[in-house]
Amino acid sequence: MENVEEKVKSVLLEILDVKPEVIVPTASFIDDLNATSIDIVEILTALQNTFDVDISDEEAEKIQTVQDAVNFLKGAIAQK
């Protein structure tokens, strides 16, 4: 089974037109991966569906990098 990091990377590759090597933990969705606000909504929706978690608007605002997403998801999964 894929780990959280690999699943997040897979979701990002599906939605964004980027090369796999640019998806690093410190990559900002907007600044480094050139995600639009629509892309961000798609990413968050896909992550919610993939991991079967809810991401509130307040939490979503804090998720700005690949590592932010991984950290949030690991925490959400642990609370299940």
PDB file of N, CA and C in Angstrom:
ATOM      1  N   MET A   1       0.826  -1.198   0.000  1.00  0.00           N
ATOM      2  CA  MET A   1       0.000   0.000   0.000  1.00  0.00           C
ATOM      3  C   MET A   1       0.868   1.260   0.000  1.00  0.00           C
ATOM      4  N   GLU A   2       0.423   2.236  -0.765  1.00  0.00           N
ATOM      5  CA  GLU A   2       1.170   3.487  -0.843  1.00  0.00           C
ATOM      6  C   GLU A   2       1.145   4.214   0.490  1.00  0.00           C
ATOM      7  N   ASN A   3       2.215   4.960   0.768  1.00  0.00           N
ATOM      8  CA  ASN A   3       2.185   5.762   1.980  1.00  0.00           C
ATOM      9  C   ASN A   3       1.536   7.115   1.673  1.00  0.00           C
ATOM     10  N   VAL A   4       1.334   7.902   2.703  1.00  0.00           N
ATOM     11  CA  VAL A   4       0.636   9.183   2.553  1.00  0.00           C
ATOM     12  C   VAL A   4       1.345  10.084   1.543  1.00  0.00           C
ATOM     13  N   GLU A   5       2.668  10.165   1.659  1.00  0.00           N
ATOM     14  CA  GLU A   5       3.428  11.032   0.756  1.00  0.00           C
ATOM     15  C   GLU A   5       3.209  10.638  -0.705  1.00  0.00           C
ATOM     16  N   GLU A   6       3.270   9.330  -0.973  1.00  0.00           N
ATOM     17  CA  GLU A   6       3.106   8.855  -2.354  1.00  0.00           C
ATOM     18  C   GLU A   6       1.702   9.123  -2.870  1.00  0.00           C
ATOM     19  N   LYS A   7       0.692   8.946  -2.020  1.00  0.00           N
ATOM     20  CA  LYS A   7      -0.683   9.211  -2.450  1.00  0.00           C
ATOM     21  C   LYS A   7      -0.892  10.700  -2.739  1.00  0.00           C
ATOM     22  N   VAL A   8      -0.324  11.562  -1.879  1.00  0.00           N
ATOM     23  CA  VAL A   8      -0.438  13.009  -2.100  1.00  0.00           C
ATOM     24  C   VAL A   8       0.226  13.369  -3.424  1.00  0.00           C
ATOM     25  N   LYS A   9       1.406  12.827  -3.665  1.00  0.00           N
ATOM     26  CA  LYS A   9       2.131  13.096  -4.911  1.00  0.00           C
ATOM     27  C   LYS A   9       1.304  12.629  -6.110  1.00  0.00           C
ATOM     28  N   SER A  10       0.693  11.474  -5.986  1.00  0.00           N
ATOM     29  CA  SER A  10      -0.131  10.928  -7.059  1.00  0.00           C
ATOM     30  C   SER A  10      -1.314  11.854  -7.372  1.00  0.00           C
ATOM     31  N   VAL A  11      -1.968  12.355  -6.321  1.00  0.00           N
ATOM     32  CA  VAL A  11      -3.087  13.290  -6.511  1.00  0.00           C
ATOM     33  C   VAL A  11      -2.603  14.555  -7.217  1.00  0.00           C
ATOM     34  N   LEU A  12      -1.467  15.076  -6.773  1.00  0.00           N
ATOM     35  CA  LEU A  12      -0.935  16.304  -7.382  1.00  0.00           C
ATOM     36  C   LEU A  12      -0.570  16.098  -8.841  1.00  0.00           C
ATOM     37  N   LEU A  13      -0.003  14.943  -9.154  1.00  0.00           N
ATOM     38  CA  LEU A  13       0.359  14.652 -10.545  1.00  0.00           C
ATOM     39  C   LEU A  13      -0.872  14.549 -11.439  1.00  0.00           C
ATOM     40  N   GLU A  14      -1.977  14.043 -10.881  1.00  0.00           N
ATOM     41  CA  GLU A  14      -3.211  13.930 -11.648  1.00  0.00           C
ATOM     42  C   GLU A  14      -3.794  15.301 -11.986  1.00  0.00           C
ATOM     43  N   ILE A  15      -3.695  16.227 -11.038  1.00  0.00           N
ATOM     44  CA  ILE A  15      -4.373  17.513 -11.180  1.00  0.00           C
ATOM     45  C   ILE A  15      -3.482  18.583 -11.805  1.00  0.00           C
ATOM     46  N   LEU A  16      -2.229  18.609 -11.423  1.00  0.00           N
ATOM     47  CA  LEU A  16      -1.325  19.664 -11.896  1.00  0.00           C
ATOM     48  C   LEU A  16      -0.449  19.174 -13.043  1.00  0.00           C
ATOM     49  N   ASP A  17      -0.112  20.065 -13.925  1.00  0.00           N
ATOM     50  CA  ASP A  17       0.754  19.737 -15.050  1.00  0.00           C
ATOM     51  C   ASP A  17       2.207  20.004 -14.641  1.00  0.00           C
ATOM     52  N   VAL A  18       2.726  19.116 -13.791  1.00  0.00           N
ATOM     53  CA  VAL A  18       4.091  19.267 -13.293  1.00  0.00           C
ATOM     54  C   VAL A  18       4.832  17.945 -13.409  1.00  0.00           C
ATOM     55  N   LYS A  19       6.155  18.040 -13.357  1.00  0.00           N
ATOM     56  CA  LYS A  19       6.985  16.834 -13.379  1.00  0.00           C
ATOM     57  C   LYS A  19       7.084  16.277 -11.955  1.00  0.00           C
ATOM     58  N   PRO A  20       7.156  14.969 -11.823  1.00  0.00           N
ATOM     59  CA  PRO A  20       7.213  14.361 -10.480  1.00  0.00           C
ATOM     60  C   PRO A  20       8.327  14.914  -9.599  1.00  0.00           C
ATOM     61  N   GLU A  21       9.470  15.254 -10.198  1.00  0.00           N
ATOM     62  CA  GLU A  21      10.609  15.695  -9.385  1.00  0.00           C
ATOM     63  C   GLU A  21      10.414  17.070  -8.740  1.00  0.00           C
ATOM     64  N   VAL A  22       9.428  17.854  -9.196  1.00  0.00           N
ATOM     65  CA  VAL A  22       9.193  19.164  -8.555  1.00  0.00           C
ATOM     66  C   VAL A  22       8.281  19.048  -7.340  1.00  0.00           C
ATOM     67  N   ILE A  23       7.667  17.872  -7.156  1.00  0.00           N
ATOM     68  CA  ILE A  23       6.795  17.673  -5.996  1.00  0.00           C
ATOM     69  C   ILE A  23       7.653  17.187  -4.836  1.00  0.00           C
ATOM     70  N   VAL A  24       8.183  18.156  -4.108  1.00  0.00           N
ATOM     71  CA  VAL A  24       9.020  17.890  -2.936  1.00  0.00           C
ATOM     72  C   VAL A  24       8.277  18.428  -1.708  1.00  0.00           C
ATOM     73  N   PRO A  25       8.646  17.968  -0.504  1.00  0.00           N
ATOM     74  CA  PRO A  25       7.917  18.396   0.694  1.00  0.00           C
ATOM     75  C   PRO A  25       7.784  19.909   0.855  1.00  0.00           C
ATOM     76  N   THR A  26       8.813  20.654   0.477  1.00  0.00           N
ATOM     77  CA  THR A  26       8.780  22.111   0.686  1.00  0.00           C
ATOM     78  C   THR A  26       8.063  22.867  -0.430  1.00  0.00           C
ATOM     79  N   ALA A  27       7.630  22.168  -1.461  1.00  0.00           N
ATOM     80  CA  ALA A  27       6.995  22.840  -2.605  1.00  0.00           C
ATOM     81  C   ALA A  27       5.665  23.475  -2.209  1.00  0.00           C
ATOM     82  N   SER A  28       5.547  24.756  -2.508  1.00  0.00           N
ATOM     83  CA  SER A  28       4.296  25.480  -2.284  1.00  0.00           C
ATOM     84  C   SER A  28       3.372  25.198  -3.464  1.00  0.00           C
ATOM     85  N   PHE A  29       2.104  24.904  -3.155  1.00  0.00           N
ATOM     86  CA  PHE A  29       1.160  24.624  -4.243  1.00  0.00           C
ATOM     87  C   PHE A  29       1.094  25.787  -5.233  1.00  0.00           C
ATOM     88  N   ILE A  30       1.041  27.007  -4.720  1.00  0.00           N
ATOM     89  CA  ILE A  30       0.873  28.171  -5.589  1.00  0.00           C
ATOM     90  C   ILE A  30       2.205  28.639  -6.163  1.00  0.00           C
ATOM     91  N   ASP A  31       3.201  28.880  -5.295  1.00  0.00           N
ATOM     92  CA  ASP A  31       4.462  29.458  -5.749  1.00  0.00           C
ATOM     93  C   ASP A  31       5.334  28.505  -6.561  1.00  0.00           C
ATOM     94  N   ASP A  32       5.405  27.244  -6.151  1.00  0.00           N
ATOM     95  CA  ASP A  32       6.309  26.301  -6.808  1.00  0.00           C
ATOM     96  C   ASP A  32       5.627  25.406  -7.841  1.00  0.00           C
ATOM     97  N   LEU A  33       4.369  25.053  -7.570  1.00  0.00           N
ATOM     98  CA  LEU A  33       3.665  24.132  -8.470  1.00  0.00           C
ATOM     99  C   LEU A  33       2.663  24.854  -9.376  1.00  0.00           C
ATOM    100  N   ASN A  34       2.608  26.181  -9.235  1.00  0.00           N
ATOM    101  CA  ASN A  34       1.750  27.029 -10.081  1.00  0.00           C
ATOM    102  C   ASN A  34       0.280  26.617 -10.072  1.00  0.00           C
ATOM    103  N   ALA A  35      -0.215  26.196  -8.918  1.00  0.00           N
ATOM    104  CA  ALA A  35      -1.620  25.810  -8.799  1.00  0.00           C
ATOM    105  C   ALA A  35      -2.493  27.058  -8.744  1.00  0.00           C
ATOM    106  N   THR A  36      -3.611  27.011  -9.434  1.00  0.00           N
ATOM    107  CA  THR A  36      -4.593  28.096  -9.372  1.00  0.00           C
ATOM    108  C   THR A  36      -5.525  27.827  -8.202  1.00  0.00           C
ATOM    109  N   SER A  37      -6.376  28.783  -7.887  1.00  0.00           N
ATOM    110  CA  SER A  37      -7.328  28.565  -6.790  1.00  0.00           C
ATOM    111  C   SER A  37      -8.264  27.402  -7.121  1.00  0.00           C
ATOM    112  N   ILE A  38      -8.600  27.243  -8.380  1.00  0.00           N
ATOM    113  CA  ILE A  38      -9.447  26.111  -8.791  1.00  0.00           C
ATOM    114  C   ILE A  38      -8.689  24.798  -8.591  1.00  0.00           C
ATOM    115  N   ASP A  39      -7.397  24.795  -8.935  1.00  0.00           N
ATOM    116  CA  ASP A  39      -6.567  23.600  -8.713  1.00  0.00           C
ATOM    117  C   ASP A  39      -6.542  23.235  -7.222  1.00  0.00           C
ATOM    118  N   ILE A  40      -6.420  24.247  -6.370  1.00  0.00           N
ATOM    119  CA  ILE A  40      -6.353  24.007  -4.931  1.00  0.00           C
ATOM    120  C   ILE A  40      -7.639  23.321  -4.456  1.00  0.00           C
ATOM    121  N   VAL A  41      -8.783  23.813  -4.928  1.00  0.00           N
ATOM    122  CA  VAL A  41     -10.060  23.204  -4.557  1.00  0.00           C
ATOM    123  C   VAL A  41     -10.097  21.750  -5.034  1.00  0.00           C
ATOM    124  N   GLU A  42      -9.653  21.513  -6.259  1.00  0.00           N
ATOM    125  CA  GLU A  42      -9.623  20.142  -6.795  1.00  0.00           C
ATOM    126  C   GLU A  42      -8.700  19.245  -5.968  1.00  0.00           C
ATOM    127  N   ILE A  43      -7.539  19.781  -5.603  1.00  0.00           N
ATOM    128  CA  ILE A  43      -6.568  19.014  -4.813  1.00  0.00           C
ATOM    129  C   ILE A  43      -7.166  18.640  -3.465  1.00  0.00           C
ATOM    130  N   LEU A  44      -7.741  19.635  -2.785  1.00  0.00           N
ATOM    131  CA  LEU A  44      -8.311  19.374  -1.460  1.00  0.00           C
ATOM    132  C   LEU A  44      -9.467  18.377  -1.537  1.00  0.00           C
ATOM    133  N   THR A  45     -10.294  18.513  -2.552  1.00  0.00           N
ATOM    134  CA  THR A  45     -11.409  17.574  -2.733  1.00  0.00           C
ATOM    135  C   THR A  45     -10.881  16.167  -2.983  1.00  0.00           C
ATOM    136  N   ALA A  46      -9.873  16.061  -3.850  1.00  0.00           N
ATOM    137  CA  ALA A  46      -9.292  14.748  -4.159  1.00  0.00           C
ATOM    138  C   ALA A  46      -8.647  14.128  -2.919  1.00  0.00           C
ATOM    139  N   LEU A  47      -7.976  14.954  -2.113  1.00  0.00           N
ATOM    140  CA  LEU A  47      -7.349  14.436  -0.901  1.00  0.00           C
ATOM    141  C   LEU A  47      -8.407  13.957   0.095  1.00  0.00           C
ATOM    142  N   GLN A  48      -9.501  14.714   0.215  1.00  0.00           N
ATOM    143  CA  GLN A  48     -10.587  14.296   1.107  1.00  0.00           C
ATOM    144  C   GLN A  48     -11.149  12.947   0.662  1.00  0.00           C
ATOM    145  N   ASN A  49     -11.357  12.793  -0.638  1.00  0.00           N
ATOM    146  CA  ASN A  49     -11.914  11.552  -1.167  1.00  0.00           C
ATOM    147  C   ASN A  49     -10.925  10.393  -1.047  1.00  0.00           C
ATOM    148  N   THR A  50      -9.675  10.654  -1.348  1.00  0.00           N
ATOM    149  CA  THR A  50      -8.646   9.617  -1.319  1.00  0.00           C
ATOM    150  C   THR A  50      -8.429   9.083   0.096  1.00  0.00           C
ATOM    151  N   PHE A  51      -8.404   9.992   1.066  1.00  0.00           N
ATOM    152  CA  PHE A  51      -8.085   9.605   2.438  1.00  0.00           C
ATOM    153  C   PHE A  51      -9.316   9.490   3.330  1.00  0.00           C
ATOM    154  N   ASP A  52     -10.491   9.763   2.774  1.00  0.00           N
ATOM    155  CA  ASP A  52     -11.748   9.700   3.526  1.00  0.00           C
ATOM    156  C   ASP A  52     -11.676  10.535   4.810  1.00  0.00           C
ATOM    157  N   VAL A  53     -11.263  11.800   4.636  1.00  0.00           N
ATOM    158  CA  VAL A  53     -11.191  12.751   5.748  1.00  0.00           C
ATOM    159  C   VAL A  53     -11.910  14.033   5.337  1.00  0.00           C
ATOM    160  N   ASP A  54     -12.248  14.840   6.327  1.00  0.00           N
ATOM    161  CA  ASP A  54     -12.827  16.153   6.059  1.00  0.00           C
ATOM    162  C   ASP A  54     -11.764  17.212   6.300  1.00  0.00           C
ATOM    163  N   ILE A  55     -11.712  18.196   5.397  1.00  0.00           N
ATOM    164  CA  ILE A  55     -10.789  19.319   5.555  1.00  0.00           C
ATOM    165  C   ILE A  55     -11.651  20.572   5.631  1.00  0.00           C
ATOM    166  N   SER A  56     -11.665  21.200   6.806  1.00  0.00           N
ATOM    167  CA  SER A  56     -12.467  22.416   6.969  1.00  0.00           C
ATOM    168  C   SER A  56     -11.810  23.568   6.209  1.00  0.00           C
ATOM    169  N   ASP A  57     -12.577  24.631   5.983  1.00  0.00           N
ATOM    170  CA  ASP A  57     -12.022  25.801   5.302  1.00  0.00           C
ATOM    171  C   ASP A  57     -10.837  26.367   6.082  1.00  0.00           C
ATOM    172  N   GLU A  58     -10.978  26.376   7.407  1.00  0.00           N
ATOM    173  CA  GLU A  58      -9.900  26.896   8.263  1.00  0.00           C
ATOM    174  C   GLU A  58      -8.634  26.049   8.113  1.00  0.00           C
ATOM    175  N   GLU A  59      -8.800  24.736   8.112  1.00  0.00           N
ATOM    176  CA  GLU A  59      -7.654  23.841   7.938  1.00  0.00           C
ATOM    177  C   GLU A  59      -7.071  23.978   6.542  1.00  0.00           C
ATOM    178  N   ALA A  60      -7.933  24.125   5.548  1.00  0.00           N
ATOM    179  CA  ALA A  60      -7.479  24.221   4.156  1.00  0.00           C
ATOM    180  C   ALA A  60      -6.568  25.434   3.953  1.00  0.00           C
ATOM    181  N   GLU A  61      -6.873  26.527   4.642  1.00  0.00           N
ATOM    182  CA  GLU A  61      -6.042  27.735   4.511  1.00  0.00           C
ATOM    183  C   GLU A  61      -4.619  27.504   5.001  1.00  0.00           C
ATOM    184  N   LYS A  62      -4.444  26.568   5.925  1.00  0.00           N
ATOM    185  CA  LYS A  62      -3.124  26.283   6.489  1.00  0.00           C
ATOM    186  C   LYS A  62      -2.310  25.334   5.607  1.00  0.00           C
ATOM    187  N   ILE A  63      -2.969  24.657   4.686  1.00  0.00           N
ATOM    188  CA  ILE A  63      -2.286  23.684   3.828  1.00  0.00           C
ATOM    189  C   ILE A  63      -1.769  24.401   2.588  1.00  0.00           C
ATOM    190  N   GLN A  64      -0.487  24.763   2.635  1.00  0.00           N
ATOM    191  CA  GLN A  64       0.078  25.538   1.538  1.00  0.00           C
ATOM    192  C   GLN A  64       1.239  24.846   0.828  1.00  0.00           C
ATOM    193  N   THR A  65       1.784  23.822   1.473  1.00  0.00           N
ATOM    194  CA  THR A  65       2.887  23.081   0.860  1.00  0.00           C
ATOM    195  C   THR A  65       2.551  21.590   0.844  1.00  0.00           C
ATOM    196  N   VAL A  66       3.334  20.840   0.114  1.00  0.00           N
ATOM    197  CA  VAL A  66       3.157  19.391   0.063  1.00  0.00           C
ATOM    198  C   VAL A  66       3.268  18.816   1.471  1.00  0.00           C
ATOM    199  N   GLN A  67       4.262  19.279   2.236  1.00  0.00           N
ATOM    200  CA  GLN A  67       4.449  18.761   3.598  1.00  0.00           C
ATOM    201  C   GLN A  67       3.275  19.124   4.503  1.00  0.00           C
ATOM    202  N   ASP A  68       2.710  20.330   4.326  1.00  0.00           N
ATOM    203  CA  ASP A  68       1.520  20.708   5.102  1.00  0.00           C
ATOM    204  C   ASP A  68       0.404  19.693   4.880  1.00  0.00           C
ATOM    205  N   ALA A  69       0.198  19.318   3.631  1.00  0.00           N
ATOM    206  CA  ALA A  69      -0.860  18.361   3.294  1.00  0.00           C
ATOM    207  C   ALA A  69      -0.574  17.009   3.930  1.00  0.00           C
ATOM    208  N   VAL A  70       0.659  16.548   3.823  1.00  0.00           N
ATOM    209  CA  VAL A  70       1.042  15.251   4.391  1.00  0.00           C
ATOM    210  C   VAL A  70       0.849  15.258   5.909  1.00  0.00           C
ATOM    211  N   ASN A  71       1.310  16.327   6.563  1.00  0.00           N
ATOM    212  CA  ASN A  71       1.185  16.414   8.021  1.00  0.00           C
ATOM    213  C   ASN A  71      -0.278  16.416   8.444  1.00  0.00           C
ATOM    214  N   PHE A  72      -1.114  17.206   7.749  1.00  0.00           N
ATOM    215  CA  PHE A  72      -2.526  17.261   8.091  1.00  0.00           C
ATOM    216  C   PHE A  72      -3.164  15.893   7.922  1.00  0.00           C
ATOM    217  N   LEU A  73      -2.883  15.252   6.796  1.00  0.00           N
ATOM    218  CA  LEU A  73      -3.519  13.958   6.508  1.00  0.00           C
ATOM    219  C   LEU A  73      -3.093  12.893   7.505  1.00  0.00           C
ATOM    220  N   LYS A  74      -1.818  12.869   7.867  1.00  0.00           N
ATOM    221  CA  LYS A  74      -1.349  11.886   8.851  1.00  0.00           C
ATOM    222  C   LYS A  74      -2.066  12.103  10.181  1.00  0.00           C
ATOM    223  N   GLY A  75      -2.243  13.355  10.575  1.00  0.00           N
ATOM    224  CA  GLY A  75      -2.949  13.658  11.804  1.00  0.00           C
ATOM    225  C   GLY A  75      -4.414  13.250  11.734  1.00  0.00           C
ATOM    226  N   ALA A  76      -5.055  13.540  10.600  1.00  0.00           N
ATOM    227  CA  ALA A  76      -6.469  13.209  10.424  1.00  0.00           C
ATOM    228  C   ALA A  76      -6.671  11.697  10.424  1.00  0.00           C
ATOM    229  N   ILE A  77      -5.764  10.971   9.808  1.00  0.00           N
ATOM    230  CA  ILE A  77      -5.862   9.514   9.757  1.00  0.00           C
ATOM    231  C   ILE A  77      -5.669   8.940  11.168  1.00  0.00           C
ATOM    232  N   ALA A  78      -4.742   9.501  11.917  1.00  0.00           N
ATOM    233  CA  ALA A  78      -4.465   9.011  13.266  1.00  0.00           C
ATOM    234  C   ALA A  78      -5.665   9.217  14.195  1.00  0.00           C
ATOM    235  N   GLN A  79      -6.463  10.249  13.904  1.00  0.00           N
ATOM    236  CA  GLN A  79      -7.625  10.538  14.757  1.00  0.00           C
ATOM    237  C   GLN A  79      -8.831   9.681  14.443  1.00  0.00           C
ATOM    238  N   LYS A  80      -8.778   8.940  13.333  1.00  0.00           N
ATOM    239  CA  LYS A  80      -9.912   8.103  12.937  1.00  0.00           C
ATOM    240  C   LYS A  80     -10.091   6.941  13.882  1.00  0.00           C
TER     241      LYS A  80
END
